[in-house]
Amino acid sequence: MNALVFGAGKSGAAAAALLRRDGAEVRVLDGDDAYPGGVWDLAVTSPGVPLTHPWQVAARAAGVPVISELEFGARYFAGKMLAVTGSKGKSSVVKLIADGLNAAGVSAVACGNYGTPLCEVALMDPQPAWAVVEVSSFQMETTHPENFRPVAAAILNLQEDHLDRHGSVEAYHALKRKMLEGAARAVAAARAWDDCLAGSYFDNEVLRPNGEVAAALLDAAGLSRDAIARAFANFVPLAHRMQKVAEIKGISYIDDSKATSLAALAAGVRMAQGGRAEPSVRLIAGGLAKGDSPNSVIPYLRSGVKKVYLIGRCADQLFEAWRETVPCEICGTLGRAVERSRRDARAGEVVLLSPGAASFDQFNSYGARGDAFASFVRAEGTGGEVETIKQG
């Protein structure tokens, strides 16, 4: 078989390795590579390569089947799969499930959009009994549900995200729902698991529905109720998800840099506000916009935020959308935003980095952005100019 792989990142490298193990002749395209001539039997695409990319367009025009790395990995994975998608909270749920299975003595790997490609899991020797797969809308563009068949699957939530790629909320949500078509069983949130969630990371108004789904998926994998409760009790949250990095003079500083959509920002504000009667959050937001509407979060700003400190490329856009609702200040850089929020904050308040946008205008990743926030918070000063650029 002659095969193309689109993208040379982790997904592409894993797909190429699996193809070569199967005896295929492989050509990996990356960067500015042109689509090659010749006869190709298959193209496996990384999630970062959209349907409109010239490689995909050329392959389809030549009659070459294009499938996702996710689907190709599923062909070779002999174990059972659980699958999770949604707009917010996928990674935490996938980690909880995989950790819970392993703690119960059942081998499992968190994979897919989570970080380890499914093709890499298929290459493991021995393979784990379970693959707990985080599925993105990007992956579902080129995944055929009849070839991706988890034992159980769930959609955590459907909000507004990735409109810059998918064009509309309807198209984005349709890709999420597509994942359920191949699943033997679809699960949903249910309050029947409240006792298992009690006192855990998921025991709050915002995250409880995700926790209930995770419990139902663990149940579908055959874990006892006691084992499920232990999974929640022992769960260690991922970095950059509502992670408290410091408390200084009674002010809490929380890193929620993973909040790269406005829906995630709203959830972060709700969690940081914690049911207080008066707004107590000083929000640092902004970055590279993903096409979702700034107006969607106005109710949460009004009820929970004392002031917004705006950074990054979409700062002006957010300023115009929000300045009539909440005091806003364009700070430009993260260091300046931390300095300004520290100047304004009072004991009992929360300085929250929940950007509601991607990081790539100023940082290599949301993780780098969160690490920088922690460094600025812990430093005595930000080492830069702190003059106001614009307030309203």
Protein backbone atom coordinates (compact mmCIF):
# COMPACT_ATOMS: atom_id res chain seq x y z
CA MET A 1 0.00 0.00 0.00
CA ASN A 2 1.16 3.53 -0.79
CA ALA A 3 -0.02 6.01 1.84
CA LEU A 4 0.18 9.71 2.52
CA VAL A 5 0.22 11.25 6.00
CA PHE A 6 -0.82 14.88 6.36
CA GLY A 7 1.11 16.58 9.16
CA ALA A 8 4.34 15.57 10.91
CA GLY A 9 3.34 16.28 14.51
CA LYS A 10 2.52 13.64 17.12
CA SER A 11 -0.57 12.34 15.34
CA GLY A 12 1.14 12.22 11.95
CA ALA A 13 4.27 10.57 13.31
CA ALA A 14 2.21 7.88 15.07
CA ALA A 15 0.11 7.23 11.96
CA ALA A 16 3.25 6.95 9.81
CA ALA A 17 4.81 4.49 12.27
CA LEU A 18 1.69 2.32 12.30
CA LEU A 19 1.46 2.37 8.50
CA ARG A 20 5.10 1.33 8.15
CA ARG A 21 4.64 -1.47 10.68
CA ASP A 22 1.85 -2.69 8.43
CA GLY A 23 4.23 -2.71 5.46
CA ALA A 24 3.06 0.45 3.74
CA GLU A 25 5.23 2.84 1.74
CA VAL A 26 4.63 6.19 3.44
CA ARG A 27 5.13 9.81 2.44
CA VAL A 28 4.64 12.41 5.18
CA LEU A 29 3.67 15.94 4.11
CA ASP A 30 4.37 18.88 6.37
CA GLY A 31 4.74 22.64 6.23
CA ASP A 32 4.79 23.96 2.65
CA ASP A 33 5.14 20.55 0.99
CA ALA A 34 3.21 20.28 -2.26
CA TYR A 35 0.79 17.44 -2.85
CA PRO A 36 2.80 14.79 -4.72
CA GLY A 37 2.00 13.05 -7.94
CA GLY A 38 1.65 9.30 -8.18
CA VAL A 39 -0.89 6.75 -7.10
CA TRP A 40 -1.92 6.69 -3.44
CA ASP A 41 -4.19 4.17 -1.76
CA LEU A 42 -4.88 6.09 1.44
CA ALA A 43 -4.30 9.43 3.15
CA VAL A 44 -4.26 9.67 6.94
CA THR A 45 -4.68 13.23 8.22
CA SER A 46 -3.70 14.90 11.46
CA PRO A 47 -6.45 16.91 13.21
CA GLY A 48 -4.64 20.18 12.57
CA VAL A 49 -5.13 19.84 8.79
CA PRO A 50 -8.63 21.12 7.92
CA LEU A 51 -10.91 19.88 5.14
CA THR A 52 -10.09 22.98 3.12
CA HIS A 53 -6.32 22.39 3.14
CA PRO A 54 -4.85 21.90 -0.38
CA TRP A 55 -3.60 18.40 0.55
CA GLN A 56 -7.08 17.24 1.47
CA VAL A 57 -8.67 18.95 -1.52
CA ALA A 58 -6.15 17.36 -3.90
CA ALA A 59 -6.49 13.91 -2.37
CA ARG A 60 -10.27 13.91 -2.64
CA ALA A 61 -10.07 15.19 -6.21
CA ALA A 62 -7.78 12.26 -7.06
CA GLY A 63 -10.16 9.77 -5.44
CA VAL A 64 -7.83 9.01 -2.52
CA PRO A 65 -9.69 8.06 0.68
CA VAL A 66 -8.88 10.52 3.49
CA ILE A 67 -9.36 9.31 7.06
CA SER A 68 -8.38 10.68 10.45
CA GLU A 69 -5.48 9.39 12.50
CA LEU A 70 -8.17 8.53 15.08
CA GLU A 71 -10.00 6.23 12.67
CA PHE A 72 -6.79 4.63 11.45
CA GLY A 73 -5.69 3.90 15.02
CA ALA A 74 -9.08 2.37 15.80
CA ARG A 75 -8.51 -0.18 13.00
CA TYR A 76 -5.54 -1.61 14.88
CA PHE A 77 -6.56 -1.21 18.50
CA ALA A 78 -7.74 -4.59 19.78
CA GLY A 79 -9.02 -3.47 23.18
CA LYS A 80 -12.19 -1.66 24.15
CA MET A 81 -12.77 2.07 23.86
CA LEU A 82 -14.62 4.73 25.82
CA ALA A 83 -15.03 8.05 24.02
CA VAL A 84 -15.67 11.58 25.27
CA THR A 85 -16.30 14.80 23.40
CA GLY A 86 -17.77 18.20 24.24
CA SER A 87 -16.90 21.87 24.34
CA LYS A 88 -15.40 21.99 27.84
CA GLY A 89 -13.90 19.54 30.29
CA LYS A 90 -12.96 16.62 28.02
CA SER A 91 -9.38 16.22 29.18
CA SER A 92 -10.23 16.16 32.88
CA VAL A 93 -12.94 13.55 32.34
CA VAL A 94 -10.66 11.37 30.21
CA LYS A 95 -7.89 11.56 32.81
CA LEU A 96 -10.29 10.68 35.64
CA ILE A 97 -11.60 7.63 33.78
CA ALA A 98 -8.16 6.32 32.81
CA ASP A 99 -6.79 6.92 36.32
CA GLY A 100 -9.81 5.19 37.83
CA LEU A 101 -9.47 2.13 35.61
CA ASN A 102 -5.75 1.78 36.28
CA ALA A 103 -6.26 2.17 40.04
CA ALA A 104 -8.79 -0.66 39.86
CA GLY A 105 -6.23 -2.91 38.18
CA VAL A 106 -7.59 -2.52 34.64
CA SER A 107 -4.99 -1.28 32.14
CA ALA A 108 -6.08 1.91 30.39
CA VAL A 109 -4.54 4.79 28.46
CA ALA A 110 -5.96 8.30 28.08
CA CYS A 111 -5.48 9.19 24.43
CA GLY A 112 -6.83 10.81 21.28
CA ASN A 113 -7.01 14.58 21.47
CA TYR A 114 -5.77 14.26 25.07
CA GLY A 115 -2.15 13.95 23.98
CA THR A 116 -1.29 10.35 23.07
CA PRO A 117 -2.53 9.56 19.55
CA LEU A 118 -4.66 6.44 19.23
CA CYS A 119 -2.20 5.13 16.60
CA GLU A 120 0.51 5.26 19.26
CA VAL A 121 -1.69 3.24 21.61
CA ALA A 122 -2.24 0.70 18.83
CA LEU A 123 1.55 0.33 18.57
CA MET A 124 1.93 -0.53 22.26
CA ASP A 125 2.98 -4.06 23.15
CA PRO A 126 1.00 -5.18 24.95
CA GLN A 127 -1.93 -2.94 24.16
CA PRO A 128 -3.99 -1.74 27.15
CA ALA A 129 -7.38 -3.28 27.83
CA TRP A 130 -9.05 0.12 27.41
CA ALA A 131 -8.40 3.26 25.40
CA VAL A 132 -10.14 6.28 26.91
CA VAL A 133 -10.37 8.56 23.90
CA GLU A 134 -10.85 12.31 23.92
CA VAL A 135 -12.42 13.17 20.57
CA SER A 136 -12.32 16.62 18.99
CA SER A 137 -14.49 18.13 16.28
CA PHE A 138 -11.33 18.42 14.16
CA GLN A 139 -10.86 14.65 14.31
CA MET A 140 -14.50 13.95 13.49
CA GLU A 141 -14.26 15.85 10.19
CA THR A 142 -12.52 12.79 8.68
CA THR A 143 -13.73 9.98 10.95
CA HIS A 144 -16.39 7.58 9.70
CA PRO A 145 -18.52 6.48 12.69
CA GLU A 146 -18.87 2.92 11.40
CA ASN A 147 -15.10 2.58 11.82
CA PHE A 148 -14.90 4.14 15.29
CA ARG A 149 -17.00 2.06 17.66
CA PRO A 150 -16.53 2.71 21.38
CA VAL A 151 -18.29 0.56 23.97
CA ALA A 152 -19.75 3.75 25.46
CA ALA A 153 -19.49 7.41 24.55
CA ALA A 154 -20.69 10.76 25.82
CA ILE A 155 -21.03 14.40 24.83
CA LEU A 156 -20.29 16.46 27.92
CA ASN A 157 -21.74 19.74 26.67
CA LEU A 158 -22.31 21.68 23.46
CA GLN A 159 -21.34 25.32 23.46
CA GLU A 160 -19.92 27.81 20.95
CA ASP A 161 -16.34 27.12 19.85
CA HIS A 162 -14.07 26.66 16.80
CA LEU A 163 -16.28 28.74 14.52
CA ASP A 164 -13.10 29.96 12.81
CA ARG A 165 -12.69 26.42 11.45
CA HIS A 166 -16.19 25.01 11.16
CA GLY A 167 -18.04 28.14 10.07
CA SER A 168 -21.18 27.77 12.18
CA VAL A 169 -22.39 26.52 15.54
CA GLU A 170 -24.60 24.00 13.73
CA ALA A 171 -21.68 22.46 11.84
CA TYR A 172 -19.56 22.31 14.99
CA HIS A 173 -22.31 20.64 17.05
CA ALA A 174 -23.07 18.18 14.21
CA LEU A 175 -19.46 16.96 14.29
CA LYS A 176 -19.71 16.41 18.04
CA ARG A 177 -22.94 14.41 17.68
CA LYS A 178 -21.42 12.37 14.87
CA MET A 179 -19.19 10.61 17.40
CA LEU A 180 -22.20 8.91 19.03
CA GLU A 181 -23.28 7.24 15.79
CA GLY A 182 -20.76 4.42 16.12
CA ALA A 183 -21.05 3.95 19.88
CA ALA A 184 -22.71 0.86 21.30
CA ARG A 185 -24.10 2.98 24.14
CA ALA A 186 -24.48 6.70 24.76
CA VAL A 187 -24.40 7.92 28.37
CA ALA A 188 -25.59 11.17 29.91
CA ALA A 189 -25.31 13.02 33.21
CA ALA A 190 -27.44 11.71 36.10
CA ARG A 191 -27.64 12.76 39.74
CA ALA A 192 -27.45 9.07 40.74
CA TRP A 193 -23.68 9.52 41.24
CA ASP A 194 -23.78 12.42 43.74
CA ASP A 195 -22.35 10.30 46.57
CA CYS A 196 -19.33 9.34 44.42
CA LEU A 197 -18.62 12.97 43.53
CA ALA A 198 -18.94 14.35 47.07
CA GLY A 199 -15.93 16.43 48.09
CA SER A 200 -14.13 15.92 44.77
CA TYR A 201 -12.89 18.35 42.12
CA PHE A 202 -16.23 17.77 40.36
CA ASP A 203 -18.39 18.55 43.39
CA ASN A 204 -19.60 21.98 42.25
CA GLU A 205 -22.34 23.46 40.10
CA VAL A 206 -20.19 23.86 36.99
CA LEU A 207 -18.34 20.54 36.84
CA ARG A 208 -20.90 18.18 38.40
CA PRO A 209 -22.53 17.22 35.05
CA ASN A 210 -19.12 16.25 33.65
CA GLY A 211 -18.40 14.21 36.76
CA GLU A 212 -21.72 12.41 36.45
CA VAL A 213 -20.86 11.46 32.86
CA ALA A 214 -17.43 10.21 33.95
CA ALA A 215 -19.04 8.05 36.63
CA ALA A 216 -21.47 6.59 34.10
CA LEU A 217 -18.62 5.75 31.72
CA LEU A 218 -16.65 4.05 34.51
CA ASP A 219 -19.79 2.07 35.29
CA ALA A 220 -20.05 1.09 31.62
CA ALA A 221 -16.48 -0.21 31.84
CA GLY A 222 -17.51 -2.47 34.71
CA LEU A 223 -16.12 -0.67 37.78
CA SER A 224 -17.88 -1.06 41.11
CA ARG A 225 -19.46 1.91 42.84
CA ASP A 226 -16.73 1.84 45.48
CA ALA A 227 -14.02 1.93 42.80
CA ILE A 228 -15.78 4.85 41.10
CA ALA A 229 -15.95 6.77 44.38
CA ARG A 230 -12.21 6.15 44.93
CA ALA A 231 -11.46 7.45 41.44
CA PHE A 232 -13.10 10.77 42.30
CA ALA A 233 -11.53 10.97 45.76
CA ASN A 234 -8.02 10.43 44.36
CA PHE A 235 -8.33 12.58 41.23
CA VAL A 236 -5.49 15.04 40.68
CA PRO A 237 -6.64 17.86 38.32
CA LEU A 238 -4.69 18.74 35.22
CA ALA A 239 -2.52 21.84 35.20
CA HIS A 240 -3.97 25.15 34.02
CA ARG A 241 -7.57 24.16 34.86
CA MET A 242 -8.74 26.38 37.72
CA GLN A 243 -5.37 25.82 39.38
CA LYS A 244 -4.66 28.02 42.40
CA VAL A 245 -1.09 29.25 41.99
CA ALA A 246 -0.86 31.58 44.99
CA GLU A 247 -2.69 33.45 47.73
CA ILE A 248 -1.10 36.81 48.47
CA LYS A 249 -2.52 39.24 51.04
CA GLY A 250 -5.82 37.37 51.00
CA ILE A 251 -6.10 37.52 47.18
CA SER A 252 -6.36 34.19 45.33
CA TYR A 253 -4.64 33.88 41.95
CA ILE A 254 -6.09 31.16 39.71
CA ASP A 255 -4.65 29.83 36.45
CA ASP A 256 -7.39 28.73 34.05
CA SER A 257 -5.29 29.20 30.92
CA LYS A 258 -6.88 26.10 29.35
CA ALA A 259 -10.07 28.17 28.98
CA THR A 260 -9.54 28.90 25.28
CA SER A 261 -13.20 29.53 24.45
CA LEU A 262 -15.66 32.06 25.81
CA ALA A 263 -17.87 29.22 27.07
CA ALA A 264 -14.92 27.99 29.12
CA LEU A 265 -14.32 31.55 30.37
CA ALA A 266 -17.91 31.70 31.60
CA ALA A 267 -17.47 28.43 33.47
CA GLY A 268 -14.24 29.68 35.02
CA VAL A 269 -15.90 32.87 36.24
CA ARG A 270 -18.77 30.89 37.77
CA MET A 271 -16.37 28.60 39.62
CA ALA A 272 -14.16 31.46 40.85
CA GLN A 273 -17.19 33.48 41.96
CA GLY A 274 -18.41 30.48 43.94
CA GLY A 275 -21.92 31.74 44.65
CA ARG A 276 -20.87 34.98 46.33
CA ALA A 277 -23.56 37.64 46.34
CA GLU A 278 -21.31 40.41 45.01
CA PRO A 279 -18.84 40.20 42.11
CA SER A 280 -15.41 39.19 43.38
CA VAL A 281 -13.46 38.17 40.26
CA ARG A 282 -10.81 40.27 38.54
CA LEU A 283 -10.63 38.61 35.15
CA ILE A 284 -7.65 38.52 32.79
CA ALA A 285 -8.94 37.67 29.32
CA GLY A 286 -7.99 37.86 25.68
CA GLY A 287 -5.68 36.32 23.14
CA LEU A 288 -6.39 34.93 19.69
CA ALA A 289 -10.16 34.87 19.11
CA LYS A 290 -11.80 31.67 17.86
CA GLY A 291 -14.93 33.21 16.36
CA ASP A 292 -17.33 32.82 19.30
CA SER A 293 -19.48 35.78 20.27
CA PRO A 294 -18.24 38.00 23.15
CA ASN A 295 -21.87 38.84 23.94
CA SER A 296 -22.51 35.24 25.05
CA VAL A 297 -20.68 35.75 28.36
CA ILE A 298 -22.10 39.14 29.35
CA PRO A 299 -24.49 37.70 32.01
CA TYR A 300 -21.54 36.00 33.75
CA LEU A 301 -19.44 39.15 33.65
CA ARG A 302 -22.29 41.15 35.12
CA SER A 303 -22.87 38.75 38.03
CA GLY A 304 -19.30 37.75 38.86
CA VAL A 305 -16.63 40.14 37.57
CA LYS A 306 -15.47 43.41 39.17
CA LYS A 307 -13.11 44.32 36.33
CA VAL A 308 -11.61 42.81 33.17
CA TYR A 309 -7.93 43.19 32.22
CA LEU A 310 -7.58 42.56 28.49
CA ILE A 311 -4.58 41.13 26.67
CA GLY A 312 -3.66 39.90 23.23
CA ARG A 313 -4.94 40.36 19.72
CA CYS A 314 -8.66 40.38 20.50
CA ALA A 315 -8.40 42.90 23.36
CA ASP A 316 -10.02 45.74 21.38
CA GLN A 317 -12.89 43.50 20.28
CA LEU A 318 -13.62 42.37 23.83
CA PHE A 319 -13.29 45.92 25.13
CA GLU A 320 -15.97 47.18 22.76
CA ALA A 321 -18.28 44.25 23.56
CA TRP A 322 -17.95 44.39 27.36
CA ARG A 323 -17.19 47.94 28.45
CA GLU A 324 -20.85 48.84 28.95
CA THR A 325 -21.29 45.86 31.28
CA VAL A 326 -18.14 45.80 33.41
CA PRO A 327 -15.09 48.06 33.87
CA CYS A 328 -12.46 47.05 31.30
CA GLU A 329 -8.81 47.95 30.87
CA ILE A 330 -6.70 47.06 27.85
CA CYS A 331 -3.33 46.00 29.21
CA GLY A 332 -1.85 44.36 26.14
CA THR A 333 0.55 41.96 27.83
CA LEU A 334 -0.02 39.36 30.52
CA GLY A 335 2.63 40.85 32.78
CA ARG A 336 0.94 44.24 32.69
CA ALA A 337 -2.46 42.65 33.35
CA VAL A 338 -1.14 40.85 36.43
CA GLU A 339 0.41 44.07 37.71
CA ARG A 340 -2.80 46.06 37.20
CA SER A 341 -5.04 43.42 38.76
CA ARG A 342 -2.70 43.09 41.75
CA ARG A 343 -2.85 46.86 42.21
CA ASP A 344 -6.68 46.85 42.23
CA ALA A 345 -7.50 43.62 44.07
CA ARG A 346 -8.52 43.43 47.72
CA ALA A 347 -8.49 40.60 50.24
CA GLY A 348 -11.20 38.05 49.52
CA GLU A 349 -11.13 38.66 45.77
CA VAL A 350 -9.87 36.38 42.99
CA VAL A 351 -7.53 37.27 40.14
CA LEU A 352 -8.49 34.79 37.43
CA LEU A 353 -6.62 34.09 34.20
CA SER A 354 -9.41 32.60 32.08
CA PRO A 355 -8.63 34.02 28.65
CA GLY A 356 -11.54 32.77 26.54
CA ALA A 357 -9.19 32.74 23.56
CA ALA A 358 -6.27 30.80 22.11
CA SER A 359 -2.74 31.64 23.21
CA PHE A 360 -0.85 31.63 19.92
CA ASP A 361 -0.73 35.40 19.38
CA GLN A 362 1.65 35.78 22.36
CA PHE A 363 2.56 32.27 23.60
CA ASN A 364 3.45 28.86 22.17
CA SER A 365 0.65 27.16 24.09
CA TYR A 366 -1.94 27.67 26.79
CA GLY A 367 0.49 25.90 29.12
CA ALA A 368 3.21 28.47 28.45
CA ARG A 369 0.65 31.21 29.07
CA GLY A 370 -0.35 29.67 32.40
CA ASP A 371 3.26 29.21 33.45
CA ALA A 372 3.98 32.86 32.64
CA PHE A 373 0.97 33.92 34.73
CA ALA A 374 2.26 31.95 37.72
CA SER A 375 5.71 33.51 37.33
CA PHE A 376 4.32 37.03 37.18
CA VAL A 377 2.12 36.41 40.21
CA ARG A 378 4.98 35.06 42.31
CA ALA A 379 7.43 37.79 41.29
CA GLU A 380 7.62 41.02 43.23
CA GLY A 381 7.16 43.00 40.01
CA THR A 382 6.52 42.32 36.35
CA GLY A 383 9.63 44.02 35.08
CA GLY A 384 7.90 46.13 32.46
CA GLU A 385 5.92 49.24 31.89
CA VAL A 386 2.48 49.19 33.42
CA GLU A 387 0.84 52.27 32.02
CA THR A 388 -2.81 51.97 31.01
CA ILE A 389 -3.45 51.66 27.30
CA LYS A 390 -7.21 52.11 27.40
CA GLN A 391 -9.89 52.01 30.06
CA GLY A 392 -13.64 52.13 29.99
